[in-house]
Amino acid sequence: MNKTKVTRSWKTTLAYAGGGLAAAAVSAVLFATIVEGAITAGIALIPAVLAVILLGMAIGGAATAPCPGCGALLDGLSAGSNDGDCCASCHRYVEGKGGELWLTDPARIADSPTFGAVLGESFSWPEGCCVCGEAATRKLPFKLRIPTPSSSAGNAAVSVLSGGSVVSSGGGVELTIQVPHCGQHQDGAQLHAPNGPKGVKVLFRSYPYLRRFCDENGVQPG
């Protein structure tokens, strides 16, 4: 098994730490100057939350390593354990611990939905259960609500999720997909939208099923 070494990126560490300290300073100034009640206190807390996130990334998420598959540099890695990271160059998943990184076993079934791909304007499901690959006997619904400006919610979501269903309400959209499962499994998929309705992803527990999904729909993992 080819393994690569995970090392801390001090440039990224300092950038995260600097941003975190700056956000903390802004929060302190806001608390000293504008806080007069619950609403203004909530506003002052926003940069404090950002500070916590950035400082946490400086401590644990500022490492880098060559991809063990193609050699491309991967950043944003944890200095400890990594799982569910996809190389943007070769589109293979990697994982590791103890300062090492290796390619994920192509036959792996994760404990929770980990392996994903962006849903295109239309898509279809490979035959079989999305967890074990045995004959599918049912399709289970998986839903995700995304807050969006009401003026653009419907069209944006429909253009991305035409293979599922979309309900617009109250300044957001609820997306639903029906994913094949056998009688023994029920938790094989999940919807994820890190970039709003235009970047909806489907995540699977099964790495083999993800690759079959990508092959059938002409998309890349990641």
Protein backbone atom coordinates (compact mmCIF):
# COMPACT_ATOMS: atom_id res chain seq x y z
CA MET A 1 0.00 0.00 0.00
CA ASN A 2 1.42 3.36 -1.04
CA LYS A 3 1.42 5.88 1.80
CA THR A 4 2.36 9.54 1.94
CA LYS A 5 3.37 11.70 4.90
CA VAL A 6 1.02 14.32 6.36
CA THR A 7 2.83 17.48 7.42
CA ARG A 8 1.63 20.71 8.97
CA SER A 9 1.41 23.71 6.65
CA TRP A 10 2.72 26.57 8.73
CA LYS A 11 1.59 29.12 6.15
CA THR A 12 -1.99 27.86 6.42
CA THR A 13 -1.73 27.51 10.20
CA LEU A 14 -0.63 31.14 10.58
CA ALA A 15 -3.33 32.33 8.16
CA TYR A 16 -6.07 30.55 10.14
CA ALA A 17 -4.63 31.71 13.46
CA GLY A 18 -4.32 35.30 12.26
CA GLY A 19 -7.87 35.30 10.98
CA GLY A 20 -9.12 33.79 14.23
CA LEU A 21 -7.36 36.38 16.38
CA ALA A 22 -8.63 39.20 14.17
CA ALA A 23 -12.20 37.93 14.43
CA ALA A 24 -11.84 37.62 18.22
CA ALA A 25 -10.63 41.22 18.39
CA VAL A 26 -13.59 42.43 16.34
CA SER A 27 -15.95 40.57 18.67
CA ALA A 28 -14.31 42.15 21.73
CA VAL A 29 -14.68 45.64 20.23
CA LEU A 30 -18.34 45.02 19.40
CA PHE A 31 -19.05 43.80 22.93
CA ALA A 32 -17.41 46.93 24.31
CA THR A 33 -19.21 49.38 22.03
CA ILE A 34 -22.62 48.17 20.82
CA VAL A 35 -23.97 45.54 23.21
CA GLU A 36 -27.10 46.78 24.94
CA GLY A 37 -29.33 43.73 24.78
CA ALA A 38 -29.87 40.27 23.34
CA ILE A 39 -29.93 41.35 19.68
CA THR A 40 -26.72 43.37 19.78
CA ALA A 41 -25.06 40.64 21.86
CA GLY A 42 -25.96 38.15 19.14
CA ILE A 43 -24.38 40.40 16.52
CA ALA A 44 -21.21 40.71 18.60
CA LEU A 45 -21.03 36.93 18.95
CA ILE A 46 -20.89 36.32 15.19
CA PRO A 47 -17.16 37.14 14.79
CA ALA A 48 -16.48 35.22 18.03
CA VAL A 49 -17.96 32.07 16.49
CA LEU A 50 -15.85 32.63 13.39
CA ALA A 51 -12.80 33.02 15.63
CA VAL A 52 -13.45 29.66 17.27
CA ILE A 53 -13.81 27.97 13.88
CA LEU A 54 -10.64 29.50 12.46
CA LEU A 55 -8.56 28.78 15.56
CA GLY A 56 -9.84 25.19 15.55
CA MET A 57 -8.77 24.85 11.92
CA ALA A 58 -5.36 26.29 12.80
CA ILE A 59 -4.91 23.59 15.44
CA GLY A 60 -6.28 20.55 13.64
CA GLY A 61 -7.02 21.29 9.99
CA ALA A 62 -3.95 22.95 8.54
CA ALA A 63 -1.99 19.97 7.26
CA THR A 64 -1.04 18.89 3.75
CA ALA A 65 0.16 15.74 1.98
CA PRO A 66 0.76 14.41 -1.54
CA CYS A 67 -2.12 12.31 -2.83
CA PRO A 68 -1.02 8.65 -2.52
CA GLY A 69 -2.70 7.97 -5.85
CA CYS A 70 -1.46 10.71 -8.17
CA GLY A 71 0.94 12.87 -6.15
CA ALA A 72 -1.15 16.05 -6.31
CA LEU A 73 -0.90 18.18 -3.17
CA LEU A 74 -3.88 17.88 -0.83
CA ASP A 75 -4.47 20.65 1.68
CA GLY A 76 -6.99 21.27 4.43
CA LEU A 77 -6.14 17.92 5.99
CA SER A 78 -6.22 17.16 9.68
CA ALA A 79 -2.92 16.79 11.46
CA GLY A 80 -4.44 13.74 13.19
CA SER A 81 -6.90 11.43 11.43
CA ASN A 82 -8.41 11.92 7.97
CA ASP A 83 -11.34 10.22 6.28
CA GLY A 84 -13.66 11.01 3.40
CA ASP A 85 -11.24 13.37 1.63
CA CYS A 86 -11.32 13.28 -2.16
CA CYS A 87 -8.40 14.28 -4.37
CA ALA A 88 -9.51 16.97 -6.82
CA SER A 89 -6.94 15.73 -9.34
CA CYS A 90 -7.52 11.96 -9.59
CA HIS A 91 -10.96 11.92 -7.86
CA ARG A 92 -10.02 9.07 -5.53
CA TYR A 93 -10.81 9.08 -1.84
CA VAL A 94 -8.04 9.02 0.75
CA GLU A 95 -7.86 8.37 4.48
CA GLY A 96 -5.23 7.97 7.15
CA LYS A 97 -3.98 8.45 10.68
CA GLY A 98 -0.73 8.69 12.57
CA GLY A 99 0.72 11.20 10.12
CA GLU A 100 0.14 8.98 7.07
CA LEU A 101 -2.32 9.04 4.18
CA TRP A 102 -3.37 6.21 1.86
CA LEU A 103 -6.02 5.44 -0.77
CA THR A 104 -9.37 4.27 0.56
CA ASP A 105 -10.12 0.61 -0.10
CA PRO A 106 -12.30 0.53 -3.28
CA ALA A 107 -14.60 -2.02 -1.59
CA ARG A 108 -15.14 -0.02 1.61
CA ILE A 109 -18.57 0.42 3.19
CA ALA A 110 -18.39 3.29 5.69
CA ASP A 111 -20.40 3.50 8.90
CA SER A 112 -22.13 6.66 7.66
CA PRO A 113 -22.57 8.37 4.25
CA THR A 114 -19.06 9.50 3.34
CA PHE A 115 -18.46 9.17 -0.42
CA GLY A 116 -20.17 11.75 -2.60
CA ALA A 117 -20.74 13.35 -5.95
CA VAL A 118 -22.60 16.44 -7.15
CA LEU A 119 -26.04 15.70 -8.57
CA GLY A 120 -26.42 16.75 -12.19
CA GLU A 121 -29.49 18.15 -13.93
CA SER A 122 -30.74 14.58 -14.26
CA PHE A 123 -29.54 11.33 -12.73
CA SER A 124 -30.41 7.68 -12.31
CA TRP A 125 -29.60 5.05 -9.71
CA PRO A 126 -27.49 1.95 -10.44
CA GLU A 127 -29.28 -1.34 -9.85
CA GLY A 128 -29.11 -2.84 -6.38
CA CYS A 129 -29.08 -1.61 -2.81
CA CYS A 130 -26.94 1.50 -2.36
CA VAL A 131 -25.24 -0.13 0.66
CA CYS A 132 -24.61 -3.79 -0.11
CA GLY A 133 -25.39 -4.08 -3.82
CA GLU A 134 -27.98 -6.84 -3.33
CA ALA A 135 -31.38 -6.61 -5.01
CA ALA A 136 -33.21 -3.42 -4.01
CA THR A 137 -36.72 -3.98 -2.69
CA ARG A 138 -37.65 -0.38 -1.86
CA LYS A 139 -36.69 3.25 -2.32
CA LEU A 140 -36.26 5.31 0.82
CA PRO A 141 -36.65 9.10 0.94
CA PHE A 142 -33.79 11.37 2.01
CA LYS A 143 -34.56 15.04 2.55
CA LEU A 144 -32.62 18.25 3.00
CA ARG A 145 -33.90 21.75 3.65
CA ILE A 146 -31.82 24.61 2.28
CA PRO A 147 -32.50 28.25 3.26
CA THR A 148 -32.45 30.38 0.09
CA PRO A 149 -33.84 33.70 -1.13
CA SER A 150 -37.43 32.93 -2.05
CA SER A 151 -37.10 34.62 -5.43
CA SER A 152 -34.49 32.13 -6.65
CA ALA A 153 -35.15 29.01 -4.58
CA GLY A 154 -37.44 27.12 -6.92
CA ASN A 155 -35.57 27.51 -10.21
CA ALA A 156 -32.12 26.93 -8.69
CA ALA A 157 -33.16 23.75 -6.96
CA VAL A 158 -35.16 22.32 -9.85
CA SER A 159 -32.26 22.83 -12.26
CA VAL A 160 -30.04 20.74 -10.00
CA LEU A 161 -32.44 18.15 -8.63
CA SER A 162 -34.72 17.31 -11.54
CA GLY A 163 -34.35 13.64 -10.61
CA GLY A 164 -35.97 14.23 -7.22
CA SER A 165 -38.67 16.48 -5.81
CA VAL A 166 -38.51 20.09 -4.64
CA VAL A 167 -40.89 21.96 -2.35
CA SER A 168 -40.41 25.72 -1.89
CA SER A 169 -41.63 27.34 1.30
CA GLY A 170 -40.76 30.10 3.71
CA GLY A 171 -37.59 31.34 2.04
CA GLY A 172 -36.12 27.91 1.41
CA VAL A 173 -36.45 24.64 -0.43
CA GLU A 174 -36.87 21.07 0.74
CA LEU A 175 -35.15 18.58 -1.54
CA THR A 176 -36.11 14.90 -1.59
CA ILE A 177 -34.56 11.92 -3.35
CA GLN A 178 -35.69 8.27 -3.33
CA VAL A 179 -32.67 5.95 -3.06
CA PRO A 180 -32.73 2.16 -3.63
CA HIS A 181 -32.24 -0.05 -0.55
CA CYS A 182 -32.66 -3.71 0.27
CA GLY A 183 -34.80 -4.87 3.19
CA GLN A 184 -31.80 -4.97 5.55
CA HIS A 185 -30.46 -1.43 5.08
CA GLN A 186 -32.00 2.00 5.51
CA ASP A 187 -29.22 4.52 6.04
CA GLY A 188 -27.16 4.30 2.87
CA ALA A 189 -27.39 7.86 1.58
CA GLN A 190 -27.59 11.51 2.56
CA LEU A 191 -28.06 14.86 0.84
CA HIS A 192 -25.47 17.57 1.39
CA ALA A 193 -25.49 21.13 0.06
CA PRO A 194 -22.34 23.02 1.11
CA ASN A 195 -22.89 25.59 -1.67
CA GLY A 196 -26.67 25.87 -1.60
CA PRO A 197 -29.12 24.38 -4.12
CA LYS A 198 -26.72 24.73 -7.07
CA GLY A 199 -24.20 22.37 -5.49
CA VAL A 200 -26.32 19.57 -4.04
CA LYS A 201 -24.35 16.40 -3.35
CA VAL A 202 -25.46 12.87 -2.62
CA LEU A 203 -23.31 10.94 -0.16
CA PHE A 204 -23.23 7.14 0.09
CA ARG A 205 -21.90 4.73 2.68
CA SER A 206 -20.72 2.46 -0.14
CA TYR A 207 -17.64 3.47 -2.10
CA PRO A 208 -18.40 0.85 -4.80
CA TYR A 209 -21.93 2.21 -5.23
CA LEU A 210 -20.61 5.77 -5.52
CA ARG A 211 -18.27 4.72 -8.34
CA ARG A 212 -21.13 2.94 -10.12
CA PHE A 213 -23.31 6.04 -9.68
CA CYS A 214 -20.58 8.23 -11.16
CA ASP A 215 -20.01 5.89 -14.11
CA GLU A 216 -23.72 5.70 -14.88
CA ASN A 217 -24.26 9.45 -14.69
CA GLY A 218 -20.97 10.70 -16.15
CA VAL A 219 -19.86 12.61 -13.06
CA GLN A 220 -16.77 12.53 -10.85
CA PRO A 221 -16.53 11.68 -7.14
CA GLY A 222 -15.83 14.55 -4.82
